[in-house]
């Protein structure tokens, strides 16, 4: 990608490189967790620079196993059960913003 392409996306070359090196299932977990908070995955991904920041936080999370276990029962999971998630406060803020 050219610098112009990256600028059009609103991201830096570093962010794109980090995204390319991201472990495979990070994005899936992130979007599943966003749904627990009532967010639409397509809308979360639409704000691409913000999405990349969420991915970066998720990528460095120390609670990956707990997250996987909780998301395995996502149909019974509530935001209150996700205090371990480092993106939880951001998801809550996003959910409040989309409701208004």
N, C-alpha and C. Protein backbone atom coordinates (compact mmCIF):
# COMPACT_ATOMS: atom_id res chain seq x y z
N UNK A 1 0.84 -1.18 0.00
CA UNK A 1 0.00 0.00 0.00
C UNK A 1 0.88 1.24 0.00
N UNK A 2 0.40 2.23 -0.68
CA UNK A 2 1.13 3.49 -0.70
C UNK A 2 0.78 4.30 0.55
N UNK A 3 1.61 5.30 0.81
CA UNK A 3 1.32 6.18 1.94
C UNK A 3 -0.03 6.86 1.76
N UNK A 4 -0.35 7.17 0.52
CA UNK A 4 -1.65 7.81 0.22
C UNK A 4 -2.81 6.86 0.57
N UNK A 5 -2.68 5.58 0.21
CA UNK A 5 -3.71 4.59 0.54
C UNK A 5 -3.91 4.50 2.05
N UNK A 6 -2.80 4.46 2.77
CA UNK A 6 -2.87 4.38 4.23
C UNK A 6 -3.51 5.63 4.81
N UNK A 7 -3.16 6.78 4.25
CA UNK A 7 -3.75 8.04 4.71
C UNK A 7 -5.26 8.04 4.47
N UNK A 8 -5.67 7.53 3.33
CA UNK A 8 -7.11 7.44 3.03
C UNK A 8 -7.84 6.56 4.04
N UNK A 9 -7.17 5.53 4.52
CA UNK A 9 -7.76 4.64 5.53
C UNK A 9 -7.68 5.23 6.94
N UNK A 10 -6.85 6.25 7.10
CA UNK A 10 -6.70 6.87 8.40
C UNK A 10 -5.81 6.08 9.34
N UNK A 11 -4.85 5.35 8.77
CA UNK A 11 -3.94 4.54 9.59
C UNK A 11 -2.50 4.79 9.17
N UNK A 12 -1.61 4.43 10.05
CA UNK A 12 -0.18 4.58 9.76
C UNK A 12 0.37 3.27 9.20
N UNK A 13 1.53 3.36 8.62
CA UNK A 13 2.18 2.15 8.11
C UNK A 13 2.46 1.18 9.27
N UNK A 14 2.87 1.72 10.42
CA UNK A 14 3.12 0.89 11.59
C UNK A 14 1.86 0.13 11.99
N UNK A 15 0.70 0.82 12.01
CA UNK A 15 -0.55 0.14 12.36
C UNK A 15 -0.85 -0.98 11.37
N UNK A 16 -0.62 -0.74 10.10
CA UNK A 16 -0.88 -1.76 9.08
C UNK A 16 0.06 -2.95 9.27
N UNK A 17 1.31 -2.69 9.58
CA UNK A 17 2.26 -3.78 9.81
C UNK A 17 1.87 -4.59 11.04
N UNK A 18 1.43 -3.91 12.09
CA UNK A 18 0.98 -4.62 13.29
C UNK A 18 -0.24 -5.48 12.99
N UNK A 19 -1.14 -4.95 12.19
CA UNK A 19 -2.33 -5.70 11.81
C UNK A 19 -1.95 -6.95 11.02
N UNK A 20 -0.99 -6.82 10.13
CA UNK A 20 -0.56 -7.96 9.32
C UNK A 20 0.08 -9.06 10.16
N UNK A 21 0.69 -8.69 11.28
CA UNK A 21 1.35 -9.67 12.16
C UNK A 21 0.42 -10.21 13.25
N UNK A 22 -0.80 -9.77 13.25
CA UNK A 22 -1.75 -10.14 14.30
C UNK A 22 -2.03 -11.64 14.29
N UNK A 23 -2.01 -12.28 15.45
CA UNK A 23 -2.41 -13.69 15.50
C UNK A 23 -3.83 -13.86 14.95
N UNK A 24 -4.06 -14.98 14.35
CA UNK A 24 -5.28 -15.23 13.57
C UNK A 24 -6.60 -14.97 14.29
N UNK A 25 -6.74 -15.40 15.52
CA UNK A 25 -8.05 -15.37 16.16
C UNK A 25 -8.33 -14.12 16.98
N UNK A 26 -7.41 -13.19 17.01
CA UNK A 26 -7.61 -11.97 17.79
C UNK A 26 -8.83 -11.20 17.29
N UNK A 27 -8.92 -11.02 16.00
CA UNK A 27 -10.05 -10.28 15.43
C UNK A 27 -11.38 -10.95 15.69
N UNK A 28 -11.40 -12.26 15.63
CA UNK A 28 -12.64 -13.00 15.90
C UNK A 28 -13.10 -12.79 17.34
N UNK A 29 -12.16 -12.91 18.27
CA UNK A 29 -12.50 -12.71 19.69
C UNK A 29 -12.98 -11.28 19.93
N UNK A 30 -12.29 -10.34 19.33
CA UNK A 30 -12.65 -8.94 19.50
C UNK A 30 -14.09 -8.69 19.06
N UNK A 31 -14.45 -9.18 17.89
CA UNK A 31 -15.80 -8.95 17.37
C UNK A 31 -16.86 -9.71 18.15
N UNK A 32 -16.53 -10.90 18.62
CA UNK A 32 -17.46 -11.64 19.46
C UNK A 32 -17.71 -10.90 20.77
N UNK A 33 -16.64 -10.38 21.35
CA UNK A 33 -16.78 -9.64 22.61
C UNK A 33 -17.57 -8.36 22.37
N UNK A 34 -17.35 -7.70 21.27
CA UNK A 34 -18.11 -6.49 20.95
C UNK A 34 -19.61 -6.80 20.89
N UNK A 35 -19.96 -7.95 20.35
CA UNK A 35 -21.37 -8.35 20.28
C UNK A 35 -21.96 -8.55 21.67
N UNK A 36 -21.17 -9.04 22.61
CA UNK A 36 -21.64 -9.19 23.99
C UNK A 36 -22.10 -7.84 24.52
N UNK A 37 -21.44 -6.78 24.10
CA UNK A 37 -21.78 -5.43 24.54
C UNK A 37 -22.85 -4.78 23.65
N UNK A 38 -23.42 -5.57 22.75
CA UNK A 38 -24.50 -5.07 21.90
C UNK A 38 -24.04 -4.32 20.67
N UNK A 39 -22.79 -4.45 20.32
CA UNK A 39 -22.25 -3.74 19.16
C UNK A 39 -22.33 -4.60 17.91
N UNK A 40 -22.54 -3.94 16.79
CA UNK A 40 -22.57 -4.59 15.49
C UNK A 40 -21.13 -4.72 14.99
N UNK A 41 -20.66 -5.94 14.71
CA UNK A 41 -19.28 -6.12 14.26
C UNK A 41 -18.92 -5.27 13.04
N UNK A 42 -19.84 -5.12 12.11
CA UNK A 42 -19.56 -4.32 10.91
C UNK A 42 -19.31 -2.86 11.28
N UNK A 43 -20.06 -2.35 12.25
CA UNK A 43 -19.87 -0.96 12.68
C UNK A 43 -18.55 -0.81 13.44
N UNK A 44 -18.18 -1.81 14.21
CA UNK A 44 -16.91 -1.76 14.93
C UNK A 44 -15.76 -1.70 13.92
N UNK A 45 -15.83 -2.49 12.87
CA UNK A 45 -14.77 -2.52 11.86
C UNK A 45 -14.79 -1.28 10.96
N UNK A 46 -15.92 -0.63 10.87
CA UNK A 46 -16.06 0.52 9.96
C UNK A 46 -15.12 1.67 10.35
N UNK A 47 -15.01 1.95 11.63
CA UNK A 47 -14.08 2.99 12.09
C UNK A 47 -12.70 2.32 12.19
N UNK A 48 -12.03 2.22 11.06
CA UNK A 48 -10.87 1.34 10.93
C UNK A 48 -9.73 1.67 11.89
N UNK A 49 -9.40 2.93 12.05
CA UNK A 49 -8.30 3.29 12.96
C UNK A 49 -8.65 2.88 14.39
N UNK A 50 -9.89 3.11 14.80
CA UNK A 50 -10.33 2.69 16.14
C UNK A 50 -10.30 1.17 16.26
N UNK A 51 -10.73 0.49 15.21
CA UNK A 51 -10.72 -0.97 15.19
C UNK A 51 -9.30 -1.50 15.38
N UNK A 52 -8.34 -0.88 14.70
CA UNK A 52 -6.95 -1.32 14.85
C UNK A 52 -6.45 -1.10 16.27
N UNK A 53 -6.88 -0.03 16.91
CA UNK A 53 -6.49 0.20 18.31
C UNK A 53 -7.09 -0.86 19.22
N UNK A 54 -8.36 -1.21 18.98
CA UNK A 54 -8.99 -2.28 19.75
C UNK A 54 -8.23 -3.60 19.56
N UNK A 55 -7.85 -3.87 18.32
CA UNK A 55 -7.09 -5.08 18.02
C UNK A 55 -5.76 -5.10 18.77
N UNK A 56 -5.10 -3.96 18.80
CA UNK A 56 -3.80 -3.89 19.47
C UNK A 56 -3.95 -4.19 20.96
N UNK A 57 -4.99 -3.64 21.58
CA UNK A 57 -5.24 -3.91 23.00
C UNK A 57 -5.55 -5.39 23.19
N UNK A 58 -6.41 -5.93 22.35
CA UNK A 58 -6.80 -7.34 22.44
C UNK A 58 -5.59 -8.25 22.24
N UNK A 59 -4.75 -7.88 21.32
CA UNK A 59 -3.57 -8.69 21.00
C UNK A 59 -2.65 -8.85 22.21
N UNK A 60 -2.57 -7.84 23.04
CA UNK A 60 -1.66 -7.87 24.18
C UNK A 60 -2.36 -8.24 25.49
N UNK A 61 -3.57 -8.71 25.40
CA UNK A 61 -4.34 -9.08 26.58
C UNK A 61 -3.73 -10.30 27.27
N UNK A 62 -3.72 -10.27 28.58
CA UNK A 62 -3.20 -11.40 29.34
C UNK A 62 -4.26 -12.40 29.73
N UNK A 63 -5.50 -12.18 29.29
CA UNK A 63 -6.62 -13.05 29.67
C UNK A 63 -7.19 -13.83 28.50
N UNK A 64 -6.33 -14.21 27.56
CA UNK A 64 -6.80 -14.88 26.35
C UNK A 64 -7.57 -16.16 26.65
N UNK A 65 -7.06 -16.98 27.54
CA UNK A 65 -7.76 -18.25 27.85
C UNK A 65 -9.11 -17.99 28.49
N UNK A 66 -9.16 -17.08 29.44
CA UNK A 66 -10.43 -16.74 30.07
C UNK A 66 -11.41 -16.21 29.03
N UNK A 67 -10.93 -15.36 28.16
CA UNK A 67 -11.76 -14.81 27.09
C UNK A 67 -12.33 -15.92 26.21
N UNK A 68 -11.48 -16.84 25.79
CA UNK A 68 -11.94 -17.95 24.95
C UNK A 68 -12.99 -18.78 25.67
N UNK A 69 -12.76 -19.05 26.94
CA UNK A 69 -13.73 -19.85 27.72
C UNK A 69 -15.06 -19.13 27.84
N UNK A 70 -15.01 -17.85 28.14
CA UNK A 70 -16.25 -17.08 28.28
C UNK A 70 -16.98 -16.97 26.95
N UNK A 71 -16.25 -16.71 25.88
CA UNK A 71 -16.89 -16.56 24.58
C UNK A 71 -17.45 -17.88 24.05
N UNK A 72 -16.96 -18.99 24.55
CA UNK A 72 -17.51 -20.29 24.17
C UNK A 72 -18.97 -20.41 24.62
N UNK A 73 -19.34 -19.60 25.61
CA UNK A 73 -20.72 -19.57 26.10
C UNK A 73 -21.29 -18.16 25.91
N UNK A 74 -20.99 -17.56 24.78
CA UNK A 74 -21.36 -16.17 24.52
C UNK A 74 -22.86 -15.91 24.60
N UNK A 75 -23.67 -16.93 24.30
CA UNK A 75 -25.12 -16.74 24.33
C UNK A 75 -25.62 -16.45 25.75
N UNK A 76 -24.83 -16.80 26.76
CA UNK A 76 -25.20 -16.54 28.15
C UNK A 76 -24.33 -15.48 28.79
N UNK A 77 -23.48 -14.86 28.02
CA UNK A 77 -22.51 -13.90 28.53
C UNK A 77 -23.10 -12.49 28.53
N UNK A 78 -22.87 -11.76 29.60
CA UNK A 78 -23.32 -10.37 29.71
C UNK A 78 -22.11 -9.47 29.89
N UNK A 79 -22.23 -8.20 29.54
CA UNK A 79 -21.10 -7.29 29.74
C UNK A 79 -20.54 -7.32 31.16
N UNK A 80 -21.39 -7.51 32.14
CA UNK A 80 -20.93 -7.55 33.54
C UNK A 80 -19.98 -8.72 33.80
N UNK A 81 -20.03 -9.74 32.95
CA UNK A 81 -19.16 -10.91 33.09
C UNK A 81 -17.79 -10.69 32.43
N UNK A 82 -17.58 -9.53 31.86
CA UNK A 82 -16.39 -9.31 31.02
C UNK A 82 -15.45 -8.26 31.58
N UNK A 83 -15.43 -8.10 32.89
CA UNK A 83 -14.55 -7.13 33.50
C UNK A 83 -13.07 -7.39 33.26
N UNK A 84 -12.73 -8.61 32.91
CA UNK A 84 -11.34 -8.98 32.61
C UNK A 84 -10.86 -8.41 31.28
N UNK A 85 -11.79 -8.03 30.42
CA UNK A 85 -11.45 -7.58 29.06
C UNK A 85 -10.88 -6.16 29.10
N UNK A 86 -9.68 -5.95 28.57
CA UNK A 86 -9.10 -4.61 28.58
C UNK A 86 -9.83 -3.63 27.65
N UNK A 87 -10.67 -4.14 26.76
CA UNK A 87 -11.47 -3.28 25.89
C UNK A 87 -12.88 -3.05 26.42
N UNK A 88 -13.22 -3.61 27.57
CA UNK A 88 -14.59 -3.54 28.09
C UNK A 88 -15.08 -2.10 28.22
N UNK A 89 -14.28 -1.23 28.79
CA UNK A 89 -14.71 0.16 28.97
C UNK A 89 -14.94 0.84 27.62
N UNK A 90 -14.12 0.51 26.65
CA UNK A 90 -14.29 1.08 25.31
C UNK A 90 -15.57 0.56 24.67
N UNK A 91 -15.83 -0.74 24.81
CA UNK A 91 -17.07 -1.31 24.29
C UNK A 91 -18.28 -0.65 24.94
N UNK A 92 -18.22 -0.45 26.25
CA UNK A 92 -19.34 0.19 26.95
C UNK A 92 -19.57 1.60 26.43
N UNK A 93 -18.50 2.34 26.24
CA UNK A 93 -18.60 3.69 25.71
C UNK A 93 -19.18 3.68 24.30
N UNK A 94 -18.70 2.77 23.47
CA UNK A 94 -19.21 2.66 22.10
C UNK A 94 -20.70 2.30 22.11
N UNK A 95 -21.09 1.40 22.99
CA UNK A 95 -22.49 0.98 23.06
C UNK A 95 -23.37 2.15 23.49
N UNK A 96 -22.92 2.94 24.46
CA UNK A 96 -23.70 4.12 24.88
C UNK A 96 -23.80 5.12 23.75
N UNK A 97 -22.71 5.29 23.02
CA UNK A 97 -22.68 6.26 21.93
C UNK A 97 -23.64 5.86 20.80
N UNK A 98 -23.71 4.58 20.49
CA UNK A 98 -24.57 4.14 19.39
C UNK A 98 -26.04 4.17 19.78
N UNK A 99 -26.33 4.18 21.09
CA UNK A 99 -27.72 4.24 21.54
C UNK A 99 -28.27 5.65 21.51
N UNK A 100 -27.40 6.64 21.44
CA UNK A 100 -27.87 8.04 21.46
C UNK A 100 -27.77 8.69 20.13
